[in-house]
Amino acid sequence: MTPDPAATVRDLAFSYRNRRVLDRVDLVFARGETVALLGPNGAGKTSLMRLLAGRLVPERGSVRVAGGDPGRSSAVRRAIAWVPQEIALYPRLTVRENLEVFARLLGLPRAARAPAVARALTRTGLDDVASRLVGVLSGGYQRRANIAAALLGEPALVLLDEPTQGVDQAARAAIHAVLERLPETGTALLVATHDFAEAERLAGRVLVLQDGRIRLDGRLADLLARLRAGPPEHEVALAEAAGPAAAAALRQAGFHPASPLVWQTDRRAGDAVAGGRDGAALLAHLRRHGVPVREIRVREPGLDVLYRDVTAGEPPADLRPVEAVA
């Protein structure tokens, strides 16, 4: 038998200040899966996560987590962990003291608190800094402590909003290692991120939310396999900023500027001038036109390309702001 899902969303709609933020959202989150939530600013990602956490009430439709309504049941809300972008800890308490406070706030029985704190410290790799004040820790350690606090109640669903924002590469890798292990316990993770590499590393499934609607929902491996069945992308790094003539030659070859010194192809372009997939032909063409090429890279399209393709379309015509109530 298929186990009960960690969470379901049915025909969800939500408005804020007479503006429709989410509309016709249907989702199912399986236990033990990690889902990346992508979308431009203002797409409705934070509203969706707040609705899942029971912090907002739907205008229409339903949200169920672990079989119950988080908007109505405090017991259901305890099965949900919210890890915000901001560090939600007490800086003048140690890591362990913070977890002890949150264990009490969560309502854990006295006898269960110490074991829960010990498990959370171990799962997030924080045993060595448990006695240090949170305020003196690096941002990476603080973010891991944020996650540890969220795990105290053994949640069915963990919601993470930009979990590695503002940390260095080493801290990012440590946070990813923590998150990669969580689904082993049956916990479902929903990770809102703007970082495509992070989404590709952590998630088995990707959602793209735009203009309040789910634009894409699928297994990441399947989506990338279909995408990579087409031509690869070319990326040109310039030795110096391109002048008007060089820019015109790059555009003729199907390129668009990614930055002042980097131009990329649209993989869907016919690209006859560039010799199809032949980087050498492309290099010769650009040099003939005086383009100061330093390097050409040919790469398989990734999640960033998939996202660009999905969000390039027009918003749904029937998504309109709701009328003000007199």
C-alpha atoms as a PDB file:
ATOM      1  CA  MET A   1       0.000   0.000   0.000  1.00  0.00           C
ATOM      2  CA  THR A   2       1.114   3.579  -0.688  1.00  0.00           C
ATOM      3  CA  PRO A   3       1.803   5.390   2.598  1.00  0.00           C
ATOM      4  CA  ASP A   4      -0.235   8.459   3.445  1.00  0.00           C
ATOM      5  CA  PRO A   5       1.327  11.630   2.034  1.00  0.00           C
ATOM      6  CA  ALA A   6       3.103  14.077   4.288  1.00  0.00           C
ATOM      7  CA  ALA A   7       0.947  16.916   2.944  1.00  0.00           C
ATOM      8  CA  THR A   8      -1.729  17.655   0.347  1.00  0.00           C
ATOM      9  CA  VAL A   9      -2.981  20.904  -1.145  1.00  0.00           C
ATOM     10  CA  ARG A  10      -6.276  20.942  -3.046  1.00  0.00           C
ATOM     11  CA  ASP A  11      -7.654  23.787  -5.188  1.00  0.00           C
ATOM     12  CA  LEU A  12      -5.836  26.299  -3.016  1.00  0.00           C
ATOM     13  CA  ALA A  13      -6.500  30.018  -3.429  1.00  0.00           C
ATOM     14  CA  PHE A  14      -5.269  32.931  -1.349  1.00  0.00           C
ATOM     15  CA  SER A  15      -5.547  36.710  -1.745  1.00  0.00           C
ATOM     16  CA  TYR A  16      -3.760  39.562  -0.020  1.00  0.00           C
ATOM     17  CA  ARG A  17      -4.964  43.163  -0.153  1.00  0.00           C
ATOM     18  CA  ASN A  18      -7.429  42.333  -2.919  1.00  0.00           C
ATOM     19  CA  ARG A  19      -4.731  40.722  -5.030  1.00  0.00           C
ATOM     20  CA  ARG A  20      -4.857  37.032  -5.911  1.00  0.00           C
ATOM     21  CA  VAL A  21      -1.553  35.604  -4.713  1.00  0.00           C
ATOM     22  CA  LEU A  22      -2.249  31.882  -5.245  1.00  0.00           C
ATOM     23  CA  ASP A  23      -4.893  30.236  -7.379  1.00  0.00           C
ATOM     24  CA  ARG A  24      -5.827  26.649  -8.276  1.00  0.00           C
ATOM     25  CA  VAL A  25      -2.826  25.083  -6.559  1.00  0.00           C
ATOM     26  CA  ASP A  26      -2.923  21.285  -6.243  1.00  0.00           C
ATOM     27  CA  LEU A  27       0.030  19.449  -4.719  1.00  0.00           C
ATOM     28  CA  VAL A  28       0.899  16.224  -2.928  1.00  0.00           C
ATOM     29  CA  PHE A  29       4.115  15.830  -0.927  1.00  0.00           C
ATOM     30  CA  ALA A  30       5.215  12.254  -0.305  1.00  0.00           C
ATOM     31  CA  ARG A  31       6.955  11.230   2.874  1.00  0.00           C
ATOM     32  CA  GLY A  32      10.710  11.199   2.480  1.00  0.00           C
ATOM     33  CA  GLU A  33      10.877  13.398  -0.626  1.00  0.00           C
ATOM     34  CA  THR A  34      12.697  16.683  -1.086  1.00  0.00           C
ATOM     35  CA  VAL A  35      10.988  19.238  -3.322  1.00  0.00           C
ATOM     36  CA  ALA A  36      12.602  22.428  -4.605  1.00  0.00           C
ATOM     37  CA  LEU A  37      10.265  25.417  -4.869  1.00  0.00           C
ATOM     38  CA  LEU A  38      11.409  27.913  -7.497  1.00  0.00           C
ATOM     39  CA  GLY A  39       9.877  31.099  -8.777  1.00  0.00           C
ATOM     40  CA  PRO A  40      10.505  34.815  -9.244  1.00  0.00           C
ATOM     41  CA  ASN A  41      10.013  37.256  -6.403  1.00  0.00           C
ATOM     42  CA  GLY A  42       6.309  37.805  -5.819  1.00  0.00           C
ATOM     43  CA  ALA A  43       5.353  34.415  -7.280  1.00  0.00           C
ATOM     44  CA  GLY A  44       3.621  33.317  -4.065  1.00  0.00           C
ATOM     45  CA  LYS A  45       6.302  30.995  -2.648  1.00  0.00           C
ATOM     46  CA  THR A  46       6.285  32.430   0.877  1.00  0.00           C
ATOM     47  CA  SER A  47       2.483  32.523   0.956  1.00  0.00           C
ATOM     48  CA  LEU A  48       2.339  28.858  -0.057  1.00  0.00           C
ATOM     49  CA  MET A  49       4.762  27.917   2.703  1.00  0.00           C
ATOM     50  CA  ARG A  50       2.856  29.948   5.291  1.00  0.00           C
ATOM     51  CA  LEU A  51      -0.370  28.245   4.263  1.00  0.00           C
ATOM     52  CA  LEU A  52       1.288  24.855   4.634  1.00  0.00           C
ATOM     53  CA  ALA A  53       2.535  25.897   8.072  1.00  0.00           C
ATOM     54  CA  GLY A  54      -0.937  26.967   9.197  1.00  0.00           C
ATOM     55  CA  ARG A  55       0.085  30.609   9.565  1.00  0.00           C
ATOM     56  CA  LEU A  56      -2.380  31.754   6.913  1.00  0.00           C
ATOM     57  CA  VAL A  57      -5.932  30.617   6.178  1.00  0.00           C
ATOM     58  CA  PRO A  58      -6.862  29.704   2.580  1.00  0.00           C
ATOM     59  CA  GLU A  59      -9.481  31.739   0.781  1.00  0.00           C
ATOM     60  CA  ARG A  60     -10.535  28.558  -0.982  1.00  0.00           C
ATOM     61  CA  GLY A  61      -9.441  24.942  -0.967  1.00  0.00           C
ATOM     62  CA  SER A  62      -7.719  22.866   1.677  1.00  0.00           C
ATOM     63  CA  VAL A  63      -4.331  22.143   3.219  1.00  0.00           C
ATOM     64  CA  ARG A  64      -3.670  18.889   5.040  1.00  0.00           C
ATOM     65  CA  VAL A  65      -0.451  17.929   6.778  1.00  0.00           C
ATOM     66  CA  ALA A  66      -0.090  14.528   8.430  1.00  0.00           C
ATOM     67  CA  GLY A  67      -3.825  14.079   7.839  1.00  0.00           C
ATOM     68  CA  GLY A  68      -4.986  17.253   9.615  1.00  0.00           C
ATOM     69  CA  ASP A  69      -5.641  20.948   9.030  1.00  0.00           C
ATOM     70  CA  PRO A  70      -2.688  23.065  10.259  1.00  0.00           C
ATOM     71  CA  GLY A  71      -4.859  26.169  10.304  1.00  0.00           C
ATOM     72  CA  ARG A  72      -7.189  24.651  12.893  1.00  0.00           C
ATOM     73  CA  SER A  73      -5.110  22.201  14.904  1.00  0.00           C
ATOM     74  CA  SER A  74      -2.116  23.044  17.112  1.00  0.00           C
ATOM     75  CA  ALA A  75      -1.235  19.329  17.168  1.00  0.00           C
ATOM     76  CA  VAL A  76      -0.934  19.357  13.371  1.00  0.00           C
ATOM     77  CA  ARG A  77       1.167  22.527  13.466  1.00  0.00           C
ATOM     78  CA  ARG A  78       3.612  20.724  15.753  1.00  0.00           C
ATOM     79  CA  ALA A  79       4.152  18.216  12.930  1.00  0.00           C
ATOM     80  CA  ILE A  80       5.436  21.068  10.723  1.00  0.00           C
ATOM     81  CA  ALA A  81       8.800  22.783  11.015  1.00  0.00           C
ATOM     82  CA  TRP A  82       9.364  26.241   9.581  1.00  0.00           C
ATOM     83  CA  VAL A  83      12.963  27.366   8.992  1.00  0.00           C
ATOM     84  CA  PRO A  84      12.865  31.039   7.928  1.00  0.00           C
ATOM     85  CA  GLN A  85      15.537  33.028   6.117  1.00  0.00           C
ATOM     86  CA  GLU A  86      16.158  35.037   9.267  1.00  0.00           C
ATOM     87  CA  ILE A  87      17.975  33.466  12.222  1.00  0.00           C
ATOM     88  CA  ALA A  88      15.182  32.845  14.740  1.00  0.00           C
ATOM     89  CA  LEU A  89      17.365  32.134  17.793  1.00  0.00           C
ATOM     90  CA  TYR A  90      18.365  33.862  21.032  1.00  0.00           C
ATOM     91  CA  PRO A  91      21.910  35.204  20.464  1.00  0.00           C
ATOM     92  CA  ARG A  92      22.775  35.403  24.179  1.00  0.00           C
ATOM     93  CA  LEU A  93      21.942  31.762  24.819  1.00  0.00           C
ATOM     94  CA  THR A  94      24.083  28.795  23.855  1.00  0.00           C
ATOM     95  CA  VAL A  95      23.030  26.460  21.084  1.00  0.00           C
ATOM     96  CA  ARG A  96      21.944  23.863  23.642  1.00  0.00           C
ATOM     97  CA  GLU A  97      20.036  26.430  25.709  1.00  0.00           C
ATOM     98  CA  ASN A  98      18.225  27.607  22.594  1.00  0.00           C
ATOM     99  CA  LEU A  99      17.151  24.070  21.786  1.00  0.00           C
ATOM    100  CA  GLU A 100      16.002  23.513  25.360  1.00  0.00           C
ATOM    101  CA  VAL A 101      13.861  26.662  25.169  1.00  0.00           C
ATOM    102  CA  PHE A 102      12.328  25.616  21.864  1.00  0.00           C
ATOM    103  CA  ALA A 103      11.686  22.102  23.152  1.00  0.00           C
ATOM    104  CA  ARG A 104       9.636  23.608  26.002  1.00  0.00           C
ATOM    105  CA  LEU A 105       7.813  25.957  23.637  1.00  0.00           C
ATOM    106  CA  LEU A 106       7.016  22.991  21.416  1.00  0.00           C
ATOM    107  CA  GLY A 107       5.324  21.319  24.345  1.00  0.00           C
ATOM    108  CA  LEU A 108       7.594  18.299  24.584  1.00  0.00           C
ATOM    109  CA  PRO A 109       7.226  16.425  27.905  1.00  0.00           C
ATOM    110  CA  ARG A 110      10.047  17.102  30.373  1.00  0.00           C
ATOM    111  CA  ALA A 111      11.484  13.585  30.006  1.00  0.00           C
ATOM    112  CA  ALA A 112      11.558  13.891  26.207  1.00  0.00           C
ATOM    113  CA  ARG A 113      13.363  17.228  25.999  1.00  0.00           C
ATOM    114  CA  ALA A 114      16.966  16.186  26.678  1.00  0.00           C
ATOM    115  CA  PRO A 115      16.862  13.245  24.225  1.00  0.00           C
ATOM    116  CA  ALA A 116      15.253  15.486  21.583  1.00  0.00           C
ATOM    117  CA  VAL A 117      17.953  18.139  22.037  1.00  0.00           C
ATOM    118  CA  ALA A 118      20.703  15.512  21.837  1.00  0.00           C
ATOM    119  CA  ARG A 119      19.248  14.054  18.628  1.00  0.00           C
ATOM    120  CA  ALA A 120      18.892  17.468  17.011  1.00  0.00           C
ATOM    121  CA  LEU A 121      22.485  18.424  17.856  1.00  0.00           C
ATOM    122  CA  THR A 122      23.831  15.174  16.430  1.00  0.00           C
ATOM    123  CA  ARG A 123      21.722  15.277  13.269  1.00  0.00           C
ATOM    124  CA  THR A 124      22.934  18.788  12.460  1.00  0.00           C
ATOM    125  CA  GLY A 125      26.563  18.228  13.437  1.00  0.00           C
ATOM    126  CA  LEU A 126      26.494  20.784  16.257  1.00  0.00           C
ATOM    127  CA  ASP A 127      27.733  18.742  19.225  1.00  0.00           C
ATOM    128  CA  ASP A 128      31.101  20.521  19.219  1.00  0.00           C
ATOM    129  CA  VAL A 129      29.532  23.996  19.461  1.00  0.00           C
ATOM    130  CA  ALA A 130      26.542  23.150  21.700  1.00  0.00           C
ATOM    131  CA  SER A 131      27.984  25.154  24.607  1.00  0.00           C
ATOM    132  CA  ARG A 132      28.843  28.258  22.589  1.00  0.00           C
ATOM    133  CA  LEU A 133      26.699  31.376  22.447  1.00  0.00           C
ATOM    134  CA  VAL A 134      24.710  31.574  19.225  1.00  0.00           C
ATOM    135  CA  GLY A 135      25.626  35.244  18.790  1.00  0.00           C
ATOM    136  CA  VAL A 136      29.346  34.477  18.360  1.00  0.00           C
ATOM    137  CA  LEU A 137      28.884  31.667  15.852  1.00  0.00           C
ATOM    138  CA  SER A 138      29.352  32.019  12.111  1.00  0.00           C
ATOM    139  CA  GLY A 139      26.320  32.388   9.890  1.00  0.00           C
ATOM    140  CA  GLY A 140      26.632  28.787   8.731  1.00  0.00           C
ATOM    141  CA  TYR A 141      26.539  27.422  12.277  1.00  0.00           C
ATOM    142  CA  GLN A 142      23.621  29.705  13.130  1.00  0.00           C
ATOM    143  CA  ARG A 143      21.660  28.374  10.163  1.00  0.00           C
ATOM    144  CA  ARG A 144      22.359  24.806  11.219  1.00  0.00           C
ATOM    145  CA  ALA A 145      21.175  25.673  14.732  1.00  0.00           C
ATOM    146  CA  ASN A 146      18.014  27.102  13.149  1.00  0.00           C
ATOM    147  CA  ILE A 147      17.470  23.738  11.453  1.00  0.00           C
ATOM    148  CA  ALA A 148      18.215  21.854  14.669  1.00  0.00           C
ATOM    149  CA  ALA A 149      15.468  23.785  16.457  1.00  0.00           C
ATOM    150  CA  ALA A 150      13.054  22.827  13.693  1.00  0.00           C
ATOM    151  CA  LEU A 151      13.819  19.116  14.110  1.00  0.00           C
ATOM    152  CA  LEU A 152      13.061  18.848  17.825  1.00  0.00           C
ATOM    153  CA  GLY A 153       9.520  17.588  17.289  1.00  0.00           C
ATOM    154  CA  GLU A 154      10.392  15.025  14.584  1.00  0.00           C
ATOM    155  CA  PRO A 155       8.249  16.890  12.011  1.00  0.00           C
ATOM    156  CA  ALA A 156       6.472  15.252   9.073  1.00  0.00           C
ATOM    157  CA  LEU A 157       7.108  18.328   6.908  1.00  0.00           C
ATOM    158  CA  VAL A 158      10.032  20.772   7.013  1.00  0.00           C
ATOM    159  CA  LEU A 159       9.710  24.094   5.183  1.00  0.00           C
ATOM    160  CA  LEU A 160      12.990  25.867   4.426  1.00  0.00           C
ATOM    161  CA  ASP A 161      13.201  29.365   2.984  1.00  0.00           C
ATOM    162  CA  GLU A 162      16.592  30.026   1.331  1.00  0.00           C
ATOM    163  CA  PRO A 163      18.481  27.765   3.787  1.00  0.00           C
ATOM    164  CA  THR A 164      21.993  28.724   2.644  1.00  0.00           C
ATOM    165  CA  GLN A 165      21.543  32.426   1.976  1.00  0.00           C
ATOM    166  CA  GLY A 166      24.628  34.447   2.859  1.00  0.00           C
ATOM    167  CA  VAL A 167      26.937  31.592   3.895  1.00  0.00           C
ATOM    168  CA  ASP A 168      30.285  30.520   2.458  1.00  0.00           C
ATOM    169  CA  GLN A 169      30.918  27.376   0.436  1.00  0.00           C
ATOM    170  CA  ALA A 170      32.062  25.255   3.385  1.00  0.00           C
ATOM    171  CA  ALA A 171      29.008  26.171   5.460  1.00  0.00           C
ATOM    172  CA  ARG A 172      26.763  25.601   2.473  1.00  0.00           C
ATOM    173  CA  ALA A 173      28.158  22.095   2.000  1.00  0.00           C
ATOM    174  CA  ALA A 174      27.638  21.335   5.716  1.00  0.00           C
ATOM    175  CA  ILE A 175      24.010  22.497   5.549  1.00  0.00           C
ATOM    176  CA  HIS A 176      23.395  20.445   2.421  1.00  0.00           C
ATOM    177  CA  ALA A 177      24.820  17.365   4.147  1.00  0.00           C
ATOM    178  CA  VAL A 178      22.312  17.842   6.975  1.00  0.00           C
ATOM    179  CA  LEU A 179      19.368  18.307   4.617  1.00  0.00           C
ATOM    180  CA  GLU A 180      20.311  15.340   2.438  1.00  0.00           C
ATOM    181  CA  ARG A 181      19.958  12.989   5.429  1.00  0.00           C
ATOM    182  CA  LEU A 182      16.566  14.193   6.643  1.00  0.00           C
ATOM    183  CA  PRO A 183      14.386  12.292   4.127  1.00  0.00           C
ATOM    184  CA  GLU A 184      15.845   9.005   5.452  1.00  0.00           C
ATOM    185  CA  THR A 185      13.530   9.371   8.469  1.00  0.00           C
ATOM    186  CA  GLY A 186      10.453   9.861   6.272  1.00  0.00           C
ATOM    187  CA  THR A 187      10.424  13.647   6.614  1.00  0.00           C
ATOM    188  CA  ALA A 188       9.284  15.625   3.556  1.00  0.00           C
ATOM    189  CA  LEU A 189      11.253  18.779   2.724  1.00  0.00           C
ATOM    190  CA  LEU A 190      10.053  21.787   0.751  1.00  0.00           C
ATOM    191  CA  VAL A 191      13.009  24.060  -0.039  1.00  0.00           C
ATOM    192  CA  ALA A 192      12.352  27.513  -1.467  1.00  0.00           C
ATOM    193  CA  THR A 193      15.508  28.676  -3.204  1.00  0.00           C
ATOM    194  CA  HIS A 194      16.844  30.878  -5.986  1.00  0.00           C
ATOM    195  CA  ASP A 195      19.974  28.718  -6.192  1.00  0.00           C
ATOM    196  CA  PHE A 196      19.684  26.268  -9.086  1.00  0.00           C
ATOM    197  CA  ALA A 197      22.761  24.271  -8.068  1.00  0.00           C
ATOM    198  CA  GLU A 198      21.307  23.868  -4.588  1.00  0.00           C
ATOM    199  CA  ALA A 199      18.004  22.664  -5.999  1.00  0.00           C
ATOM    200  CA  GLU A 200      19.735  20.167  -8.289  1.00  0.00           C
ATOM    201  CA  ARG A 201      21.787  18.780  -5.398  1.00  0.00           C
ATOM    202  CA  LEU A 202      19.007  18.448  -2.841  1.00  0.00           C
ATOM    203  CA  ALA A 203      15.754  17.835  -4.675  1.00  0.00           C
ATOM    204  CA  GLY A 204      14.285  14.874  -6.481  1.00  0.00           C
ATOM    205  CA  ARG A 205      11.329  16.958  -7.605  1.00  0.00           C
ATOM    206  CA  VAL A 206      10.962  20.563  -8.694  1.00  0.00           C
ATOM    207  CA  LEU A 207       8.058  22.990  -8.582  1.00  0.00           C
ATOM    208  CA  VAL A 208       8.065  26.280 -10.461  1.00  0.00           C
ATOM    209  CA  LEU A 209       5.559  28.807  -9.155  1.00  0.00           C
ATOM    210  CA  GLN A 210       4.791  31.933 -11.158  1.00  0.00           C
ATOM    211  CA  ASP A 211       1.943  34.417 -10.904  1.00  0.00           C
ATOM    212  CA  GLY A 212       0.308  32.295  -8.231  1.00  0.00           C
ATOM    213  CA  ARG A 213       0.121  29.139 -10.354  1.00  0.00           C
ATOM    214  CA  ILE A 214       2.192  25.967 -10.533  1.00  0.00           C
ATOM    215  CA  ARG A 215       3.907  26.242 -13.910  1.00  0.00           C
ATOM    216  CA  LEU A 216       5.927  23.051 -13.593  1.00  0.00           C
ATOM    217  CA  ASP A 217       5.830  20.025 -11.298  1.00  0.00           C
ATOM    218  CA  GLY A 218       7.900  16.944 -12.025  1.00  0.00           C
ATOM    219  CA  ARG A 219      10.792  14.652 -11.189  1.00  0.00           C
ATOM    220  CA  LEU A 220      13.982  16.586 -11.760  1.00  0.00           C
ATOM    221  CA  ALA A 221      15.792  13.670 -13.414  1.00  0.00           C
ATOM    222  CA  ASP A 222      12.992  13.206 -15.953  1.00  0.00           C
ATOM    223  CA  LEU A 223      12.733  16.910 -16.715  1.00  0.00           C
ATOM    224  CA  LEU A 224      16.482  17.261 -17.258  1.00  0.00           C
ATOM    225  CA  ALA A 225      16.638  14.119 -19.394  1.00  0.00           C
ATOM    226  CA  ARG A 226      14.045  15.532 -21.791  1.00  0.00           C
ATOM    227  CA  LEU A 227      15.769  18.896 -21.827  1.00  0.00           C
ATOM    228  CA  ARG A 228      19.187  17.366 -22.552  1.00  0.00           C
ATOM    229  CA  ALA A 229      17.854  15.393 -25.496  1.00  0.00           C
ATOM    230  CA  GLY A 230      18.163  18.659 -27.429  1.00  0.00           C
ATOM    231  CA  PRO A 231      21.291  20.647 -28.356  1.00  0.00           C
ATOM    232  CA  PRO A 232      23.738  21.796 -25.673  1.00  0.00           C
ATOM    233  CA  GLU A 233      24.342  25.395 -24.717  1.00  0.00           C
ATOM    234  CA  HIS A 234      27.414  27.387 -25.707  1.00  0.00           C
ATOM    235  CA  GLU A 235      28.889  30.000 -23.392  1.00  0.00           C
ATOM    236  CA  VAL A 236      31.497  32.521 -24.555  1.00  0.00           C
ATOM    237  CA  ALA A 237      33.784  34.315 -22.121  1.00  0.00           C
ATOM    238  CA  LEU A 238      35.195  37.497 -23.628  1.00  0.00           C
ATOM    239  CA  ALA A 239      38.681  38.864 -23.109  1.00  0.00           C
ATOM    240  CA  GLU A 240      37.179  42.360 -22.940  1.00  0.00           C
ATOM    241  CA  ALA A 241      33.756  43.937 -23.195  1.00  0.00           C
ATOM    242  CA  ALA A 242      32.297  43.504 -26.656  1.00  0.00           C
ATOM    243  CA  GLY A 243      31.830  46.605 -28.788  1.00  0.00           C
ATOM    244  CA  PRO A 244      28.807  47.130 -31.056  1.00  0.00           C
ATOM    245  CA  ALA A 245      30.241  45.058 -33.939  1.00  0.00           C
ATOM    246  CA  ALA A 246      31.227  42.157 -31.666  1.00  0.00           C
ATOM    247  CA  ALA A 247      27.870  42.270 -29.906  1.00  0.00           C
ATOM    248  CA  ALA A 248      26.103  42.158 -33.271  1.00  0.00           C
ATOM    249  CA  ALA A 249      28.143  39.095 -34.301  1.00  0.00           C
ATOM    250  CA  LEU A 250      27.320  37.352 -31.033  1.00  0.00           C
ATOM    251  CA  ARG A 251      23.621  38.065 -31.449  1.00  0.00           C
ATOM    252  CA  GLN A 252      23.772  36.807 -35.047  1.00  0.00           C
ATOM    253  CA  ALA A 253      25.197  33.531 -33.725  1.00  0.00           C
ATOM    254  CA  GLY A 254      22.244  33.146 -31.360  1.00  0.00           C
ATOM    255  CA  PHE A 255      23.818  34.570 -28.182  1.00  0.00           C
ATOM    256  CA  HIS A 256      22.447  36.842 -25.491  1.00  0.00           C
ATOM    257  CA  PRO A 257      24.412  38.693 -22.778  1.00  0.00           C
ATOM    258  CA  ALA A 258      24.540  36.959 -19.395  1.00  0.00           C
ATOM    259  CA  SER A 259      26.980  39.579 -18.039  1.00  0.00           C
ATOM    260  CA  PRO A 260      29.300  42.209 -19.594  1.00  0.00           C
ATOM    261  CA  LEU A 261      31.962  39.566 -20.304  1.00  0.00           C
ATOM    262  CA  VAL A 262      29.863  36.416 -20.768  1.00  0.00           C
ATOM    263  CA  TRP A 263      27.387  35.619 -23.547  1.00  0.00           C
ATOM    264  CA  GLN A 264      25.252  32.472 -23.792  1.00  0.00           C
ATOM    265  CA  THR A 265      23.326  30.779 -26.563  1.00  0.00           C
ATOM    266  CA  ASP A 266      19.646  30.100 -26.514  1.00  0.00           C
ATOM    267  CA  ARG A 267      19.726  26.313 -26.966  1.00  0.00           C
ATOM    268  CA  ARG A 268      16.602  26.536 -29.140  1.00  0.00           C
ATOM    269  CA  ALA A 269      18.273  28.818 -31.689  1.00  0.00           C
ATOM    270  CA  GLY A 270      18.953  27.308 -35.100  1.00  0.00           C
ATOM    271  CA  ASP A 271      22.570  28.442 -34.673  1.00  0.00           C
ATOM    272  CA  ALA A 272      23.576  27.616 -38.234  1.00  0.00           C
ATOM    273  CA  VAL A 273      26.236  30.317 -38.126  1.00  0.00           C
ATOM    274  CA  ALA A 274      27.763  28.737 -35.033  1.00  0.00           C
ATOM    275  CA  GLY A 275      28.155  25.386 -36.762  1.00  0.00           C
ATOM    276  CA  GLY A 276      25.580  23.601 -34.642  1.00  0.00           C
ATOM    277  CA  ARG A 277      27.362  21.811 -31.803  1.00  0.00           C
ATOM    278  CA  ASP A 278      30.858  22.493 -33.139  1.00  0.00           C
ATOM    279  CA  GLY A 279      32.694  24.848 -30.798  1.00  0.00           C
ATOM    280  CA  ALA A 280      35.626  25.166 -33.192  1.00  0.00           C
ATOM    281  CA  ALA A 281      33.361  26.469 -35.967  1.00  0.00           C
ATOM    282  CA  LEU A 282      31.832  28.927 -33.557  1.00  0.00           C
ATOM    283  CA  LEU A 283      35.249  30.145 -32.435  1.00  0.00           C
ATOM    284  CA  ALA A 284      36.369  30.670 -36.025  1.00  0.00           C
ATOM    285  CA  HIS A 285      33.174  32.564 -36.869  1.00  0.00           C
ATOM    286  CA  LEU A 286      33.504  34.896 -33.882  1.00  0.00           C
ATOM    287  CA  ARG A 287      37.177  35.583 -34.474  1.00  0.00           C
ATOM    288  CA  ARG A 288      36.472  36.441 -38.124  1.00  0.00           C
ATOM    289  CA  HIS A 289      34.078  39.074 -36.827  1.00  0.00           C
ATOM    290  CA  GLY A 290      36.551  40.491 -34.326  1.00  0.00           C
ATOM    291  CA  VAL A 291      34.914  39.132 -31.179  1.00  0.00           C
ATOM    292  CA  PRO A 292      37.582  39.050 -28.415  1.00  0.00           C
ATOM    293  CA  VAL A 293      36.980  35.449 -27.295  1.00  0.00           C
ATOM    294  CA  ARG A 294      38.882  34.172 -24.257  1.00  0.00           C
ATOM    295  CA  GLU A 295      37.087  30.853 -23.832  1.00  0.00           C
ATOM    296  CA  ILE A 296      34.150  28.827 -25.199  1.00  0.00           C
ATOM    297  CA  ARG A 297      32.351  26.332 -23.000  1.00  0.00           C
ATOM    298  CA  VAL A 298      29.828  23.775 -24.203  1.00  0.00           C
ATOM    299  CA  ARG A 299      27.568  22.442 -21.449  1.00  0.00           C
ATOM    300  CA  GLU A 300      24.450  20.410 -21.041  1.00  0.00           C
ATOM    301  CA  PRO A 301      21.458  22.584 -20.130  1.00  0.00           C
ATOM    302  CA  GLY A 302      20.567  22.434 -16.441  1.00  0.00           C
ATOM    303  CA  LEU A 303      17.793  23.533 -14.154  1.00  0.00           C
ATOM    304  CA  ASP A 304      18.542  27.186 -14.857  1.00  0.00           C
ATOM    305  CA  VAL A 305      17.646  26.645 -18.525  1.00  0.00           C
ATOM    306  CA  LEU A 306      14.526  24.695 -17.619  1.00  0.00           C
ATOM    307  CA  TYR A 307      13.450  27.506 -15.303  1.00  0.00           C
ATOM    308  CA  ARG A 308      14.117  30.136 -17.955  1.00  0.00           C
ATOM    309  CA  ASP A 309      12.042  28.234 -20.492  1.00  0.00           C
ATOM    310  CA  VAL A 310       9.125  27.768 -18.092  1.00  0.00           C
ATOM    311  CA  THR A 311       8.980  31.343 -16.789  1.00  0.00           C
ATOM    312  CA  ALA A 312       9.444  33.021 -20.185  1.00  0.00           C
ATOM    313  CA  GLY A 313       5.768  32.590 -21.094  1.00  0.00           C
ATOM    314  CA  GLU A 314       2.946  34.987 -20.457  1.00  0.00           C
ATOM    315  CA  PRO A 315       1.006  34.802 -17.175  1.00  0.00           C
ATOM    316  CA  PRO A 316      -2.303  32.905 -17.293  1.00  0.00           C
ATOM    317  CA  ALA A 317      -4.979  35.102 -18.857  1.00  0.00           C
ATOM    318  CA  ASP A 318      -7.624  34.090 -16.309  1.00  0.00           C
ATOM    319  CA  LEU A 319      -5.538  35.017 -13.252  1.00  0.00           C
ATOM    320  CA  ARG A 320      -6.997  38.362 -12.226  1.00  0.00           C
ATOM    321  CA  PRO A 321      -6.898  40.405  -9.044  1.00  0.00           C
ATOM    322  CA  VAL A 322      -9.992  39.768  -6.935  1.00  0.00           C
ATOM    323  CA  GLU A 323     -12.451  42.586  -6.634  1.00  0.00           C
ATOM    324  CA  ALA A 324     -12.452  44.722  -3.518  1.00  0.00           C
ATOM    325  CA  VAL A 325     -15.254  43.969  -1.109  1.00  0.00           C
ATOM    326  CA  ALA A 326     -17.424  46.965  -0.407  1.00  0.00           C
END
